[in-house]
Amino acid sequence: MQRLHRGLGAAFAGRGWEVPRLLAAMEDAEHFYFASTCQVQLERWSTGCVAVLGDA
């Protein structure tokens, strides 16, 4: 888990605002959950009456 913390710390270092506080809290957290995100690339979002919809 420490490797993940170092990677996230390096990726977000110097971003300002609340980031330093969040990175510090991540290090102190007893339980930490991280899920990566991705973007789906589709050639088309709809076909006929069917469409792909999403929610953040």
C-alpha atoms as a PDB file:
ATOM      1  CA  MET A   1       0.000   0.000   0.000  1.00  0.00           C
ATOM      2  CA  GLN A   2       2.878   2.401   0.665  1.00  0.00           C
ATOM      3  CA  ARG A   3       3.866   2.188  -3.008  1.00  0.00           C
ATOM      4  CA  LEU A   4       0.362   3.369  -3.988  1.00  0.00           C
ATOM      5  CA  HIS A   5       0.589   6.265  -1.519  1.00  0.00           C
ATOM      6  CA  ARG A   6       3.963   7.346  -2.930  1.00  0.00           C
ATOM      7  CA  GLY A   7       2.637   7.128  -6.484  1.00  0.00           C
ATOM      8  CA  LEU A   8      -0.415   9.233  -5.705  1.00  0.00           C
ATOM      9  CA  GLY A   9       1.680  11.698  -3.733  1.00  0.00           C
ATOM     10  CA  ALA A  10       4.064  12.096  -6.668  1.00  0.00           C
ATOM     11  CA  ALA A  11       1.226  12.412  -9.186  1.00  0.00           C
ATOM     12  CA  PHE A  12      -0.570  15.147  -7.236  1.00  0.00           C
ATOM     13  CA  ALA A  13       2.366  16.942  -5.575  1.00  0.00           C
ATOM     14  CA  GLY A  14       2.377  20.710  -6.006  1.00  0.00           C
ATOM     15  CA  ARG A  15      -1.275  20.939  -7.052  1.00  0.00           C
ATOM     16  CA  GLY A  16      -2.155  23.363  -4.254  1.00  0.00           C
ATOM     17  CA  TRP A  17      -5.611  24.064  -2.792  1.00  0.00           C
ATOM     18  CA  GLU A  18      -6.720  21.081  -0.619  1.00  0.00           C
ATOM     19  CA  VAL A  19      -4.371  18.534  -2.193  1.00  0.00           C
ATOM     20  CA  PRO A  20      -1.593  18.665   0.470  1.00  0.00           C
ATOM     21  CA  ARG A  21      -4.156  18.172   3.252  1.00  0.00           C
ATOM     22  CA  LEU A  22      -5.787  15.265   1.398  1.00  0.00           C
ATOM     23  CA  LEU A  23      -2.446  13.584   0.702  1.00  0.00           C
ATOM     24  CA  ALA A  24      -1.503  13.884   4.383  1.00  0.00           C
ATOM     25  CA  ALA A  25      -4.873  12.458   5.440  1.00  0.00           C
ATOM     26  CA  MET A  26      -4.379   9.573   3.021  1.00  0.00           C
ATOM     27  CA  GLU A  27      -1.107   8.675   4.752  1.00  0.00           C
ATOM     28  CA  ASP A  28      -2.790   8.733   8.193  1.00  0.00           C
ATOM     29  CA  ALA A  29      -5.922   6.816   7.175  1.00  0.00           C
ATOM     30  CA  GLU A  30      -6.442   3.442   8.822  1.00  0.00           C
ATOM     31  CA  HIS A  31      -8.430   2.268   5.793  1.00  0.00           C
ATOM     32  CA  PHE A  32      -7.772   3.744   2.381  1.00  0.00           C
ATOM     33  CA  TYR A  33      -9.699   3.008  -0.835  1.00  0.00           C
ATOM     34  CA  PHE A  34      -8.598   4.112  -4.278  1.00  0.00           C
ATOM     35  CA  ALA A  35     -10.253   3.283  -7.578  1.00  0.00           C
ATOM     36  CA  SER A  36      -8.869   4.366 -10.896  1.00  0.00           C
ATOM     37  CA  THR A  37     -11.117   5.999 -13.437  1.00  0.00           C
ATOM     38  CA  CYS A  38     -11.201   5.637 -17.159  1.00  0.00           C
ATOM     39  CA  GLN A  39     -12.896   7.174 -20.138  1.00  0.00           C
ATOM     40  CA  VAL A  40     -14.772   4.987 -22.583  1.00  0.00           C
ATOM     41  CA  GLN A  41     -14.038   5.792 -26.201  1.00  0.00           C
ATOM     42  CA  LEU A  42     -16.807   4.735 -28.590  1.00  0.00           C
ATOM     43  CA  GLU A  43     -17.122   5.259 -32.292  1.00  0.00           C
ATOM     44  CA  ARG A  44     -20.867   5.871 -31.827  1.00  0.00           C
ATOM     45  CA  TRP A  45     -22.987   6.628 -28.763  1.00  0.00           C
ATOM     46  CA  SER A  46     -26.275   5.547 -30.304  1.00  0.00           C
ATOM     47  CA  THR A  47     -27.797   3.196 -32.841  1.00  0.00           C
ATOM     48  CA  GLY A  48     -31.412   3.685 -33.845  1.00  0.00           C
ATOM     49  CA  CYS A  49     -33.470   4.054 -30.661  1.00  0.00           C
ATOM     50  CA  VAL A  50     -30.675   2.790 -28.335  1.00  0.00           C
ATOM     51  CA  ALA A  51     -28.178   5.196 -26.711  1.00  0.00           C
ATOM     52  CA  VAL A  52     -25.393   4.850 -24.163  1.00  0.00           C
ATOM     53  CA  LEU A  53     -26.066   7.006 -21.092  1.00  0.00           C
ATOM     54  CA  GLY A  54     -24.032   7.486 -17.934  1.00  0.00           C
ATOM     55  CA  ASP A  55     -24.003   9.118 -14.549  1.00  0.00           C
ATOM     56  CA  ALA A  56     -21.004  10.464 -12.676  1.00  0.00           C
END
